[in-house]
C-alpha cells in the first residue's frame, strides 16, 4: 500500500501527483479505518434524506395517473416494489466490494467488467446525478431555514431561498473538506433526530386514525395497500421510478469503503442494512400518511396537487394539533426536514468527491481531482469542485426557470436507474465464471444483480418514453419533455466529455492505468490474496499463473480464478 507521506506535502507538489497517479484501491491517501459498521449505516441512510425524500416525493407517488384514477392508496405498495431493485443492487454493491473496495464503486467495477468507456460513463452517472439533486436539496434547505423562524415571505422568495441554499452548500462542502470523522459525528446527531421525529409523526397519525374520532377523510389501513394490484404498467413504472429516487443514496456507505474498518465487508453490509432500514421507515410513514390524509383532491388529501410539494407542511398541524406540545412537534417536524435536506447535501458531496478522486487516480479525469488534503486526508480538490459546480448549477437553473428545477427530480431517476443498473450487470458479468460453484454465488452474484439490473433497465426505457412526451413535467424543449432533456441530455453530455478526454489523455482508455482482468487466468489458491484484501487480480504483483490444463499445478495445490473467493477454489 502506498505511503501517505507522498501526499503530506502542499497540494500540487510533484511527489503527491506521482503517488496518486499510481494509486489503486486502498492507496489513494484517504484516512483508513475511520468508519465502523454503525457509522457506515448512518452515512448510507442519511444520504437518502428520508424526511426530505418523503416530503418531496410521496405526494407525487400518490398522484401518478392510473387510468381514470390515481395510484392513491397503493402508494405503500410502490414503496415495497421500489425496495426490491434497491435491495438487489445493494447486494451487487456488496459482492463487488468484496473483490475491490475502491471508492470509485461503479466507475471501477464497470471498467473491470465491461471496459473503460462503460466505467467512465458509470462514474459520470454518479457525478451528474449528485450535482443535479444538490439543486433540489439546497432549495428545500434554503426555504425551510426561513420557515423555521416563521419568515414565510422569505421562504417563498426565490432570491432569498437561493441565497440560503447556496450558504448551505458552502457550509456542508466545508464540513466534508474537513474530513470524514467530522461528517460522521454530525450525521449521528442529524439522523437520530430525523428518524425519531418520523416515528413520532407516524405514531400520532395512526393513533388518530384508529381513535374514537378519526379525521374526516382518513382511511383505516388495509393489507391490500401493500400489493400493487389494479395498477397499470405505466403507473407502476412512473411511480416506482419516483420511489427509487426516495431510496437513492444508500450507496454512499460503499463510496467511503477505503475509509472504513474491514473495507471488504463493512461497506457492503452497511449498504444492505441501509436499504432494509429505509424500507421500514418508508413503509410505516407512507401507510400512516395515506391513512390519515386519505387520497381526496381537497383539503389535506393526498390527491390534492397543492400538497404534493411537501406533505409534511400540509399535514404537520393536522397531525399534531394546536396544543403547545403539538406546536412544538410541528416546529420539530420543520427542523427534521431542514436537517434531512442539509444532511443529505453533506452526504451527497461524499460519493461524488470520491468518485472523481478515483477517476483521477486512474487518469480518467485531471490529476488535480486526486489530491488529498495533507491534514484532513480528504479529497480536497474534488470536494471543493463538487461544491462549486453544485452552486453554479443550482443558481443557473433558478435563474432560467423554477419549472426546470422542478423537473430535475424526475430526471435524476433516469441517472439513478442507469448507474445502479450498470452495477448490477457488472456484478453478474464479473463473477460469471464462478456463479455455478454454489447456490449462494448463483443467487447473490448472478440472480439478484441481474434482476436489479433488468428491472432498472426496463424502468429506464419506459420512463424515457414517457418523459419525452411534451406534456410530461413542467417544461418542454422543441416538443420534447424537459425531464427527458435533462436526464438523457446529462448522459449525452457525459459521452461528449468522455471522448474529449480520451482525445487528450488516452492512457486510461487504453487500459494502461486500470488494466482489464484476464478472464481465463488461473492462479494458485491463496496467492491472489497475498497482494492484500483491497486489490483485484490484475492489481499489484503478479501471482503464479497456472495453465488452463493444470499441467503446471504443483502437487497438493489448488487453482482458482483471481475473482474467485478461496472457499470456491476447485
Protein backbone atom coordinates (compact mmCIF):
# COMPACT_ATOMS: atom_id res chain seq x y z
CA UNK A 1 0.00 0.00 0.00
CA UNK A 2 1.30 3.44 -0.84
CA UNK A 3 2.75 5.52 1.95
CA UNK A 4 0.73 8.56 2.96
CA UNK A 5 3.86 10.67 3.23
CA UNK A 6 3.65 11.07 -0.53
CA UNK A 7 0.54 13.21 -0.06
CA UNK A 8 1.68 15.05 3.04
CA UNK A 9 3.19 17.99 1.21
CA UNK A 10 1.39 21.02 -0.18
CA UNK A 11 -1.21 20.24 -2.79
CA UNK A 12 0.11 20.24 -6.31
CA UNK A 13 3.62 19.03 -5.44
CA UNK A 14 5.27 16.56 -7.78
CA UNK A 15 5.59 13.87 -5.14
CA UNK A 16 1.88 13.97 -4.46
CA UNK A 17 0.93 13.69 -8.13
CA UNK A 18 3.21 10.71 -8.73
CA UNK A 19 1.87 8.74 -5.77
CA UNK A 20 -1.78 9.48 -6.54
CA UNK A 21 -1.48 8.55 -10.20
CA UNK A 22 -0.06 5.17 -9.25
CA UNK A 23 -2.61 4.57 -6.52
CA UNK A 24 -5.14 1.79 -6.67
CA UNK A 25 -7.82 0.66 -4.27
CA UNK A 26 -6.81 1.49 -0.72
CA UNK A 27 -3.80 3.51 -1.83
CA UNK A 28 -5.22 6.93 -2.58
CA UNK A 29 -4.23 8.54 0.70
CA UNK A 30 -7.67 8.58 2.34
CA UNK A 31 -7.82 8.03 6.09
CA UNK A 32 -8.30 4.34 6.68
CA UNK A 33 -10.38 2.84 9.48
CA UNK A 34 -12.42 5.99 10.10
CA UNK A 35 -15.87 4.38 9.98
CA UNK A 36 -17.28 1.23 11.54
CA UNK A 37 -20.46 -0.62 10.58
CA UNK A 38 -22.84 1.64 12.51
CA UNK A 39 -21.33 4.88 11.23
CA UNK A 40 -21.35 3.48 7.67
CA UNK A 41 -25.07 2.71 8.01
CA UNK A 42 -25.62 6.24 9.31
CA UNK A 43 -23.88 7.68 6.24
CA UNK A 44 -25.90 5.43 3.94
CA UNK A 45 -29.30 6.25 5.47
CA UNK A 46 -28.55 9.96 5.94
CA UNK A 47 -27.60 10.22 2.27
CA UNK A 48 -31.12 9.24 1.26
CA UNK A 49 -32.57 12.08 3.40
CA UNK A 50 -35.66 10.09 4.50
CA UNK A 51 -37.66 13.07 5.78
CA UNK A 52 -36.86 15.28 2.79
CA UNK A 53 -37.40 12.44 0.29
CA UNK A 54 -40.81 11.61 1.74
CA UNK A 55 -41.82 15.27 1.96
CA UNK A 56 -40.84 16.00 -1.63
CA UNK A 57 -41.84 12.75 -3.36
CA UNK A 58 -44.54 10.73 -1.58
CA UNK A 59 -47.28 13.10 -2.74
CA UNK A 60 -46.17 12.66 -6.35
CA UNK A 61 -46.27 8.85 -5.99
CA UNK A 62 -49.91 9.12 -4.89
CA UNK A 63 -50.73 11.49 -7.78
CA UNK A 64 -49.35 9.26 -10.55
CA UNK A 65 -52.12 8.71 -13.10
CA UNK A 66 -53.55 5.19 -13.21
CA UNK A 67 -56.11 5.03 -15.99
CA UNK A 68 -59.01 7.18 -14.85
CA UNK A 69 -57.68 7.33 -11.30
CA UNK A 70 -54.50 7.65 -9.26
CA UNK A 71 -52.03 5.31 -7.58
CA UNK A 72 -53.67 6.59 -4.39
CA UNK A 73 -53.82 4.10 -1.52
CA UNK A 74 -51.43 1.79 -3.39
CA UNK A 75 -48.56 4.16 -2.61
CA UNK A 76 -47.24 1.90 0.21
CA UNK A 77 -47.06 -0.99 -2.28
CA UNK A 78 -44.88 1.19 -4.52
CA UNK A 79 -42.51 1.66 -1.57
CA UNK A 80 -42.23 -2.12 -1.28
CA UNK A 81 -41.89 -2.57 -5.03
CA UNK A 82 -39.13 0.05 -5.32
CA UNK A 83 -37.28 -1.64 -2.47
CA UNK A 84 -36.71 -4.83 -4.48
CA UNK A 85 -34.37 -3.42 -7.16
CA UNK A 86 -32.66 -1.34 -4.47
CA UNK A 87 -32.01 -4.46 -2.40
CA UNK A 88 -30.83 -6.43 -5.42
CA UNK A 89 -28.40 -3.67 -6.41
CA UNK A 90 -27.23 -3.29 -2.81
CA UNK A 91 -26.32 -6.99 -2.93
CA UNK A 92 -24.38 -6.35 -6.16
CA UNK A 93 -22.51 -3.50 -4.47
CA UNK A 94 -21.70 -5.75 -1.53
CA UNK A 95 -20.39 -8.58 -3.71
CA UNK A 96 -18.29 -6.31 -5.95
CA UNK A 97 -16.92 -4.51 -2.93
CA UNK A 98 -15.55 -7.83 -1.66
CA UNK A 99 -13.41 -8.06 -4.78
CA UNK A 100 -12.31 -4.43 -4.86
CA UNK A 101 -13.31 -1.88 -2.22
CA UNK A 102 -12.47 1.12 -4.37
CA UNK A 103 -14.13 4.48 -3.68
CA UNK A 104 -14.89 4.78 -7.40
CA UNK A 105 -17.51 1.99 -6.99
CA UNK A 106 -19.48 1.78 -10.27
CA UNK A 107 -16.72 3.53 -12.21
CA UNK A 108 -14.09 1.00 -11.16
CA UNK A 109 -16.28 -2.10 -11.28
CA UNK A 110 -17.86 -1.34 -14.65
CA UNK A 111 -14.37 -0.62 -16.03
CA UNK A 112 -13.23 -4.05 -14.84
CA UNK A 113 -16.29 -5.82 -16.22
CA UNK A 114 -17.08 -4.01 -19.47
CA UNK A 115 -14.15 -1.79 -20.30
CA UNK A 116 -13.03 1.79 -19.85
CA UNK A 117 -15.85 3.61 -21.61
CA UNK A 118 -18.60 1.80 -19.67
CA UNK A 119 -16.72 2.55 -16.47
CA UNK A 120 -16.26 6.22 -17.34
CA UNK A 121 -19.98 6.59 -18.03
CA UNK A 122 -20.81 4.84 -14.77
CA UNK A 123 -18.68 7.34 -12.91
CA UNK A 124 -20.25 10.20 -14.83
CA UNK A 125 -23.72 8.91 -13.93
CA UNK A 126 -22.88 9.20 -10.23
CA UNK A 127 -21.41 12.69 -10.60
CA UNK A 128 -24.24 14.04 -12.77
CA UNK A 129 -27.00 12.65 -10.54
CA UNK A 130 -25.42 14.09 -7.41
CA UNK A 131 -24.89 17.54 -8.90
CA UNK A 132 -28.46 17.69 -10.20
CA UNK A 133 -30.03 16.60 -6.91
CA UNK A 134 -27.93 19.11 -4.97
CA UNK A 135 -30.06 21.88 -6.51
CA UNK A 136 -33.24 20.38 -5.05
CA UNK A 137 -31.67 19.70 -1.67
CA UNK A 138 -30.35 23.24 -1.45
CA UNK A 139 -33.73 24.70 -2.43
CA UNK A 140 -35.51 22.74 0.33
CA UNK A 141 -32.84 23.57 2.91
CA UNK A 142 -32.96 27.25 1.97
CA UNK A 143 -36.73 27.67 2.15
CA UNK A 144 -37.06 25.60 5.33
CA UNK A 145 -34.41 27.71 7.05
CA UNK A 146 -36.71 30.72 6.82
CA UNK A 147 -39.86 28.68 7.53
CA UNK A 148 -38.30 27.50 10.78
CA UNK A 149 -38.25 31.07 12.06
CA UNK A 150 -41.68 31.94 10.71
CA UNK A 151 -40.27 34.10 7.90
CA UNK A 152 -42.78 32.86 5.35
CA UNK A 153 -42.25 35.75 2.92
CA UNK A 154 -38.53 35.00 2.73
CA UNK A 155 -39.22 31.26 2.47
CA UNK A 156 -41.45 31.95 -0.55
CA UNK A 157 -38.88 34.27 -2.12
CA UNK A 158 -36.85 32.64 -4.87
CA UNK A 159 -33.98 35.06 -4.31
CA UNK A 160 -33.61 34.57 -0.57
CA UNK A 161 -34.24 30.83 -0.67
CA UNK A 162 -31.48 30.57 -3.27
CA UNK A 163 -29.11 32.64 -1.13
CA UNK A 164 -29.79 30.41 1.87
CA UNK A 165 -29.43 27.28 -0.26
CA UNK A 166 -26.06 28.41 -1.56
CA UNK A 167 -24.91 29.03 2.01
CA UNK A 168 -25.98 25.51 2.98
CA UNK A 169 -23.98 24.01 0.12
CA UNK A 170 -20.94 26.07 1.13
CA UNK A 171 -21.22 25.02 4.79
CA UNK A 172 -21.61 21.34 4.01
CA UNK A 173 -18.80 21.44 1.46
CA UNK A 174 -16.51 22.84 4.16
CA UNK A 175 -17.53 20.12 6.62
CA UNK A 176 -16.77 17.42 4.03
CA UNK A 177 -13.48 19.16 3.26
CA UNK A 178 -12.55 18.83 6.93
CA UNK A 179 -12.73 15.05 6.70
CA UNK A 180 -15.00 12.07 7.25
CA UNK A 181 -14.77 11.98 11.06
CA UNK A 182 -16.46 15.37 11.48
CA UNK A 183 -19.02 14.42 8.84
CA UNK A 184 -19.88 11.16 10.65
CA UNK A 185 -20.28 12.86 14.05
CA UNK A 186 -22.69 15.42 12.61
CA UNK A 187 -24.66 12.71 10.79
CA UNK A 188 -25.17 10.73 14.02
CA UNK A 189 -26.95 13.71 15.54
CA UNK A 190 -28.96 14.77 12.49
CA UNK A 191 -30.12 11.28 11.54
CA UNK A 192 -31.06 10.42 15.12
CA UNK A 193 -33.39 13.42 15.32
CA UNK A 194 -34.78 12.69 11.86
CA UNK A 195 -35.75 9.06 12.48
CA UNK A 196 -37.19 9.83 15.93
CA UNK A 197 -39.45 12.59 14.62
CA UNK A 198 -40.65 10.47 11.68
CA UNK A 199 -41.59 7.65 14.06
CA UNK A 200 -43.45 10.09 16.34
CA UNK A 201 -45.24 11.63 13.34
CA UNK A 202 -46.38 8.24 12.05
CA UNK A 203 -47.45 7.16 15.54
CA UNK A 204 -49.51 10.33 16.09
CA UNK A 205 -51.21 9.88 12.70
CA UNK A 206 -52.09 6.22 13.22
CA UNK A 207 -53.33 6.78 16.78
CA UNK A 208 -55.78 9.39 15.46
CA UNK A 209 -56.88 7.14 12.60
CA UNK A 210 -57.67 4.27 14.98
CA UNK A 211 -59.08 6.57 17.67
CA UNK A 212 -62.72 7.18 18.53
CA UNK A 213 -62.85 10.38 16.47
CA UNK A 214 -60.75 9.82 13.33
CA UNK A 215 -60.14 12.64 10.82
CA UNK A 216 -62.94 13.15 8.30
CA UNK A 217 -61.16 11.83 5.20
CA UNK A 218 -58.98 9.23 6.93
CA UNK A 219 -58.92 5.59 5.82
CA UNK A 220 -58.14 2.60 8.00
CA UNK A 221 -55.07 0.78 6.63
CA UNK A 222 -55.57 -2.43 4.70
CA UNK A 223 -53.19 -5.21 3.70
CA UNK A 224 -54.31 -4.62 0.10
CA UNK A 225 -52.31 -1.37 0.19
CA UNK A 226 -49.13 -3.47 0.19
CA UNK A 227 -49.88 -5.20 -3.14
CA UNK A 228 -49.92 -3.18 -6.43
CA UNK A 229 -52.95 -4.94 -7.91
CA UNK A 230 -55.04 -2.83 -10.25
CA UNK A 231 -52.18 -0.56 -11.30
CA UNK A 232 -51.31 -0.17 -14.97
CA UNK A 233 -47.79 -0.82 -16.24
CA UNK A 234 -47.39 2.90 -16.95
CA UNK A 235 -48.44 3.84 -13.41
CA UNK A 236 -46.20 1.16 -11.90
CA UNK A 237 -43.11 2.29 -13.79
CA UNK A 238 -43.62 6.02 -13.22
CA UNK A 239 -44.44 5.68 -9.52
CA UNK A 240 -41.65 3.17 -8.90
CA UNK A 241 -39.06 5.40 -10.53
CA UNK A 242 -40.12 8.24 -8.24
CA UNK A 243 -39.84 5.87 -5.29
CA UNK A 244 -36.39 4.76 -6.46
CA UNK A 245 -35.38 8.40 -6.01
CA UNK A 246 -36.69 8.20 -2.44
CA UNK A 247 -34.42 5.19 -1.74
CA UNK A 248 -31.42 6.54 -3.63
CA UNK A 249 -28.32 7.41 -1.64
CA UNK A 250 -27.50 4.29 0.38
CA UNK A 251 -24.52 3.67 -1.94
CA UNK A 252 -22.70 6.47 -0.11
CA UNK A 253 -21.95 3.82 2.51
CA UNK A 254 -19.91 1.97 -0.12
CA UNK A 255 -18.26 5.04 -1.64
CA UNK A 256 -16.40 5.57 1.66
CA UNK A 257 -15.14 1.95 1.60
CA UNK A 258 -11.47 2.90 1.62
CA UNK A 259 -12.05 4.79 4.87
CA UNK A 260 -13.85 2.03 6.78
CA UNK A 261 -12.71 -0.71 9.09
CA UNK A 262 -12.62 -4.07 7.30
CA UNK A 263 -13.22 -2.44 3.88
CA UNK A 264 -14.07 -5.69 2.06
CA UNK A 265 -17.03 -6.46 4.35
CA UNK A 266 -18.26 -3.44 6.31
CA UNK A 267 -19.38 -1.18 3.38
CA UNK A 268 -21.37 -3.95 1.68
CA UNK A 269 -23.11 -4.92 4.88
CA UNK A 270 -23.89 -1.27 5.58
CA UNK A 271 -25.44 -0.86 2.11
CA UNK A 272 -27.76 -3.85 2.52
CA UNK A 273 -28.74 -2.93 6.09
CA UNK A 274 -29.36 0.68 5.00
CA UNK A 275 -31.91 -0.43 2.38
CA UNK A 276 -33.69 -2.61 4.95
CA UNK A 277 -33.86 0.25 7.45
CA UNK A 278 -35.17 2.59 4.76
CA UNK A 279 -37.85 0.05 3.81
CA UNK A 280 -39.10 0.02 7.40
CA UNK A 281 -39.16 3.83 7.62
CA UNK A 282 -40.86 4.39 4.27
CA UNK A 283 -43.45 1.64 4.71
CA UNK A 284 -44.55 2.88 8.14
CA UNK A 285 -44.64 6.58 7.23
CA UNK A 286 -46.38 6.05 3.86
CA UNK A 287 -49.10 3.90 5.46
CA UNK A 288 -49.60 6.46 8.23
CA UNK A 289 -49.78 9.41 5.82
CA UNK A 290 -52.21 7.74 3.40
CA UNK A 291 -54.38 6.54 6.28
CA UNK A 292 -54.52 9.93 7.99
CA UNK A 293 -54.94 12.23 4.99
CA UNK A 294 -56.75 9.96 2.57
CA UNK A 295 -56.41 10.43 -1.16
CA UNK A 296 -59.09 13.03 -1.75
CA UNK A 297 -58.46 16.01 -4.01
CA UNK A 298 -59.33 18.69 -1.46
CA UNK A 299 -58.10 19.81 1.94
CA UNK A 300 -55.19 17.76 3.25
CA UNK A 301 -56.00 14.85 0.92
CA UNK A 302 -53.00 13.46 -0.91
CA UNK A 303 -54.96 13.68 -4.16
CA UNK A 304 -54.78 17.47 -3.82
CA UNK A 305 -51.89 18.63 -6.06
CA UNK A 306 -51.28 21.60 -3.73
CA UNK A 307 -50.00 19.18 -1.09
CA UNK A 308 -47.62 17.23 -3.32
CA UNK A 309 -44.61 19.54 -2.98
CA UNK A 310 -44.39 19.00 0.77
CA UNK A 311 -46.74 16.58 2.50
CA UNK A 312 -45.33 17.34 5.96
CA UNK A 313 -46.05 21.05 5.61
CA UNK A 314 -49.61 20.17 4.61
CA UNK A 315 -50.19 17.62 7.39
CA UNK A 316 -48.00 18.77 10.28
CA UNK A 317 -50.54 20.97 12.08
CA UNK A 318 -53.38 18.49 11.39
CA UNK A 319 -51.49 15.53 12.83
CA UNK A 320 -50.00 17.21 15.91
CA UNK A 321 -52.90 19.54 16.72
CA UNK A 322 -52.94 23.04 18.18
CA UNK A 323 -51.76 22.31 21.72
CA UNK A 324 -48.44 23.61 22.98
CA UNK A 325 -46.94 20.15 22.56
CA UNK A 326 -48.43 19.91 19.08
CA UNK A 327 -46.94 23.26 18.07
CA UNK A 328 -43.57 22.17 19.41
CA UNK A 329 -43.75 18.92 17.44
CA UNK A 330 -44.76 20.82 14.31
CA UNK A 331 -41.67 23.01 14.66
CA UNK A 332 -39.59 19.90 15.24
CA UNK A 333 -41.01 18.43 12.03
CA UNK A 334 -39.87 21.50 10.12
CA UNK A 335 -36.44 21.15 11.72
CA UNK A 336 -36.39 17.49 10.69
CA UNK A 337 -36.99 18.21 7.01
CA UNK A 338 -34.41 21.02 7.17
CA UNK A 339 -31.76 18.83 8.81
CA UNK A 340 -32.63 15.97 6.46
CA UNK A 341 -32.04 18.12 3.37
CA UNK A 342 -28.88 19.66 4.82
CA UNK A 343 -27.55 16.27 5.95
CA UNK A 344 -28.18 14.84 2.50
CA UNK A 345 -26.45 17.85 0.97
CA UNK A 346 -23.43 16.90 3.02
CA UNK A 347 -23.52 13.17 2.28
CA UNK A 348 -24.22 13.75 -1.42
CA UNK A 349 -20.88 15.51 -1.66
CA UNK A 350 -19.09 12.44 -0.27
CA UNK A 351 -19.69 9.91 -3.09
CA UNK A 352 -19.20 12.49 -5.83
CA UNK A 353 -15.89 13.67 -4.46
CA UNK A 354 -14.67 10.11 -4.02
CA UNK A 355 -15.83 9.02 -7.46
CA UNK A 356 -13.93 11.87 -9.09
CA UNK A 357 -10.95 11.09 -6.83
CA UNK A 358 -10.89 7.50 -8.07
CA UNK A 359 -11.36 8.54 -11.69
CA UNK A 360 -8.47 10.99 -11.38
CA UNK A 361 -6.28 8.39 -9.64
CA UNK A 362 -6.72 6.13 -12.67
CA UNK A 363 -6.24 9.13 -15.04
CA UNK A 364 -9.84 9.18 -16.25
CA UNK A 365 -10.04 12.81 -15.03
CA UNK A 366 -7.43 15.53 -14.46
CA UNK A 367 -4.89 14.56 -11.81
CA UNK A 368 -5.77 17.57 -9.64
CA UNK A 369 -9.02 15.84 -8.62
CA UNK A 370 -6.97 13.11 -6.93
CA UNK A 371 -5.31 15.49 -4.48
CA UNK A 372 -5.64 14.58 -0.80
CA UNK A 373 -5.56 17.18 1.97
CA UNK A 374 -2.34 16.59 3.95
CA UNK A 375 -4.03 17.10 7.33
CA UNK A 376 -7.66 16.03 6.92
CA UNK A 377 -6.88 13.18 4.47
CA UNK A 378 -9.98 14.08 2.46
CA UNK A 379 -10.26 14.51 -1.34
CA UNK A 380 -9.72 18.25 -1.10
CA UNK A 381 -9.91 19.41 -4.72
CA UNK A 382 -12.75 17.04 -5.63
CA UNK A 383 -14.79 18.16 -2.62
CA UNK A 384 -14.33 21.86 -3.33
CA UNK A 385 -15.16 21.47 -7.01
CA UNK A 386 -18.25 19.45 -6.15
CA UNK A 387 -19.47 22.36 -4.02
CA UNK A 388 -18.60 24.98 -6.64
CA UNK A 389 -20.24 23.15 -9.57
CA UNK A 390 -23.34 22.41 -7.48
CA UNK A 391 -23.72 26.11 -6.61
CA UNK A 392 -23.28 27.16 -10.24
CA UNK A 393 -25.79 24.57 -11.45
CA UNK A 394 -28.34 25.48 -8.74
CA UNK A 395 -28.12 29.22 -9.33
CA UNK A 396 -28.14 28.75 -13.10
CA UNK A 397 -31.30 26.63 -13.09
CA UNK A 398 -33.02 29.03 -10.70
CA UNK A 399 -32.24 31.98 -12.96
CA UNK A 400 -33.50 30.16 -16.05
CA UNK A 401 -36.72 28.74 -14.63
CA UNK A 402 -38.06 27.30 -11.40
CA UNK A 403 -40.06 24.87 -13.54
CA UNK A 404 -36.84 23.35 -14.87
CA UNK A 405 -35.64 22.94 -11.30
CA UNK A 406 -38.87 21.07 -10.51
CA UNK A 407 -38.28 18.69 -13.46
CA UNK A 408 -34.82 17.72 -12.22
CA UNK A 409 -36.19 15.35 -9.53
CA UNK A 410 -37.75 13.03 -12.11
CA UNK A 411 -34.69 13.41 -14.38
CA UNK A 412 -32.41 12.18 -11.60
CA UNK A 413 -34.38 8.92 -11.62
CA UNK A 414 -33.06 8.15 -15.11
CA UNK A 415 -29.46 8.65 -13.99
CA UNK A 416 -30.01 6.51 -10.89
CA UNK A 417 -31.51 3.70 -12.97
CA UNK A 418 -28.56 3.97 -15.37
CA UNK A 419 -25.65 3.61 -12.96
CA UNK A 420 -27.39 1.30 -10.48
CA UNK A 421 -28.45 -0.97 -13.33
CA UNK A 422 -24.94 -0.90 -14.78
CA UNK A 423 -23.59 -2.03 -11.40
CA UNK A 424 -25.99 -4.98 -11.32
CA UNK A 425 -24.91 -6.17 -14.78
CA UNK A 426 -21.24 -5.60 -13.90
CA UNK A 427 -21.56 -7.85 -10.85
CA UNK A 428 -23.09 -10.75 -12.78
CA UNK A 429 -20.51 -10.46 -15.58
CA UNK A 430 -17.54 -10.08 -13.25
CA UNK A 431 -18.42 -13.26 -11.35
CA UNK A 432 -19.77 -15.16 -14.37
CA UNK A 433 -17.19 -17.96 -14.13
CA UNK A 434 -17.98 -18.82 -10.51
CA UNK A 435 -21.77 -18.42 -10.49
CA UNK A 436 -22.39 -22.18 -10.58
CA UNK A 437 -19.89 -23.01 -7.85
CA UNK A 438 -22.59 -22.72 -5.18
CA UNK A 439 -26.25 -21.83 -4.78
CA UNK A 440 -25.22 -18.83 -2.74
CA UNK A 441 -22.99 -17.48 -5.51
CA UNK A 442 -25.66 -18.04 -8.16
CA UNK A 443 -28.26 -16.09 -6.19
CA UNK A 444 -26.15 -13.31 -4.69
CA UNK A 445 -23.75 -12.70 -7.57
CA UNK A 446 -25.93 -13.61 -10.52
CA UNK A 447 -29.68 -13.78 -9.97
CA UNK A 448 -30.19 -10.79 -7.66
CA UNK A 449 -27.84 -8.39 -9.50
CA UNK A 450 -29.41 -9.34 -12.86
CA UNK A 451 -32.95 -8.90 -11.51
CA UNK A 452 -31.97 -5.47 -10.24
CA UNK A 453 -30.23 -4.56 -13.48
CA UNK A 454 -33.05 -5.67 -15.78
CA UNK A 455 -35.78 -4.07 -13.67
CA UNK A 456 -33.96 -0.75 -13.70
CA UNK A 457 -33.20 -1.08 -17.42
CA UNK A 458 -36.89 -1.65 -18.11
CA UNK A 459 -37.84 1.32 -15.94
CA UNK A 460 -35.24 3.45 -17.73
CA UNK A 461 -36.60 2.62 -21.20
CA UNK A 462 -40.28 3.00 -20.36
CA UNK A 463 -39.74 6.17 -18.33
CA UNK A 464 -37.61 7.70 -21.09
CA UNK A 465 -40.51 7.28 -23.49
CA UNK A 466 -42.96 8.81 -21.04
CA UNK A 467 -40.65 11.68 -20.08
CA UNK A 468 -40.11 12.58 -23.74
CA UNK A 469 -43.78 13.46 -24.18
CA UNK A 470 -44.17 17.25 -24.39
CA UNK A 471 -46.97 17.32 -21.82
CA UNK A 472 -44.93 15.48 -19.17
CA UNK A 473 -43.48 17.60 -16.36
CA UNK A 474 -43.31 21.36 -16.15
CA UNK A 475 -41.21 22.19 -19.22
CA UNK A 476 -40.60 21.11 -22.79
CA UNK A 477 -37.99 21.91 -25.44
CA UNK A 478 -38.71 21.62 -29.16
CA UNK A 479 -41.67 19.40 -28.40
CA UNK A 480 -39.69 17.10 -26.06
CA UNK A 481 -40.42 16.86 -22.34
CA UNK A 482 -37.98 18.75 -20.12
CA UNK A 483 -37.46 15.74 -17.83
CA UNK A 484 -36.18 13.71 -20.79
CA UNK A 485 -33.98 16.57 -21.97
CA UNK A 486 -32.35 16.93 -18.55
CA UNK A 487 -31.91 13.21 -17.85
CA UNK A 488 -30.84 11.91 -21.26
CA UNK A 489 -29.10 15.21 -22.04
CA UNK A 490 -26.89 14.67 -18.99
CA UNK A 491 -25.85 11.26 -20.28
CA UNK A 492 -25.20 12.61 -23.79
CA UNK A 493 -23.07 15.36 -22.26
CA UNK A 494 -21.13 12.65 -20.46
CA UNK A 495 -20.46 10.81 -23.73
CA UNK A 496 -19.16 14.04 -25.30
CA UNK A 497 -16.90 14.80 -22.34
CA UNK A 498 -15.62 11.22 -22.34
CA UNK A 499 -14.50 11.41 -25.96
CA UNK A 500 -12.97 14.84 -25.42
CA UNK A 501 -10.93 13.48 -22.50
CA UNK A 502 -9.99 10.37 -24.45
CA UNK A 503 -8.69 12.51 -27.31
CA UNK A 504 -6.39 14.38 -24.93
CA UNK A 505 -5.47 11.65 -22.43
CA UNK A 506 -5.98 8.14 -23.71
CA UNK A 507 -3.90 6.07 -21.26
CA UNK A 508 -6.91 5.12 -19.11
CA UNK A 509 -8.91 4.17 -22.19
CA UNK A 510 -6.01 2.05 -23.46
CA UNK A 511 -6.15 0.04 -20.23
CA UNK A 512 -2.75 1.25 -19.00
CA UNK A 513 -3.91 2.63 -15.64
CA UNK A 514 -6.70 0.15 -14.86
CA UNK A 515 -5.86 -2.91 -16.98
CA UNK A 516 -8.62 -5.30 -17.93
CA UNK A 517 -8.76 -8.54 -15.99
CA UNK A 518 -7.66 -11.70 -17.80
CA UNK A 519 -10.85 -13.73 -17.52
CA UNK A 520 -9.25 -17.11 -18.29
CA UNK A 521 -6.30 -16.73 -15.95
CA UNK A 522 -5.81 -19.24 -13.15
CA UNK A 523 -3.55 -18.68 -10.16
CA UNK A 524 -2.56 -20.71 -7.12
CA UNK A 525 -5.23 -20.61 -4.42
CA UNK A 526 -4.19 -18.08 -1.80
CA UNK A 527 -1.74 -16.17 -3.98
CA UNK A 528 -4.37 -13.74 -5.19
CA UNK A 529 -4.83 -12.71 -1.57
CA UNK A 530 -1.15 -12.20 -0.85
CA UNK A 531 -1.40 -8.84 -2.56
CA UNK A 532 -3.80 -7.59 0.10
CA UNK A 533 -7.55 -7.63 0.55
CA UNK A 534 -8.18 -4.50 -1.48
CA UNK A 535 -6.95 -5.37 -4.97
CA UNK A 536 -8.25 -7.25 -7.97
CA UNK A 537 -6.16 -9.96 -9.63
CA UNK A 538 -4.51 -7.60 -12.08
CA UNK A 539 -3.53 -5.08 -9.39
CA UNK A 540 -0.11 -5.23 -7.79
CA UNK A 541 2.47 -8.01 -8.14
CA UNK A 542 1.72 -10.93 -10.43
CA UNK A 543 0.82 -14.29 -8.94
CA UNK A 544 1.94 -17.64 -10.32
CA UNK A 545 -0.07 -18.29 -13.49
CA UNK A 546 -1.48 -21.81 -13.84
CA UNK A 547 -2.12 -23.27 -17.30
CA UNK A 548 -5.75 -23.96 -18.25
CA UNK A 549 -5.00 -27.72 -18.36
CA UNK A 550 -3.42 -27.50 -14.84
CA UNK A 551 -0.20 -29.02 -16.27
CA UNK A 552 1.98 -26.81 -14.07
CA UNK A 553 -0.15 -27.04 -10.93
CA UNK A 554 2.11 -28.08 -8.02
CA UNK A 555 1.10 -31.29 -6.20
CA UNK A 556 -1.32 -30.66 -3.37
CA UNK A 557 -2.17 -27.14 -4.57
CA UNK A 558 -5.43 -25.73 -5.94
CA UNK A 559 -6.07 -23.31 -8.82
CA UNK A 560 -8.68 -20.57 -8.81
CA UNK A 561 -9.79 -17.69 -10.95
CA UNK A 562 -8.50 -14.45 -9.43
CA UNK A 563 -12.00 -13.16 -8.71
CA UNK A 564 -12.99 -16.44 -7.06
CA UNK A 565 -13.01 -16.45 -3.26
CA UNK A 566 -10.87 -19.05 -1.55
CA UNK A 567 -13.81 -21.14 -0.37
CA UNK A 568 -14.84 -21.59 -4.02
CA UNK A 569 -11.45 -22.96 -5.11
CA UNK A 570 -11.52 -26.18 -7.07
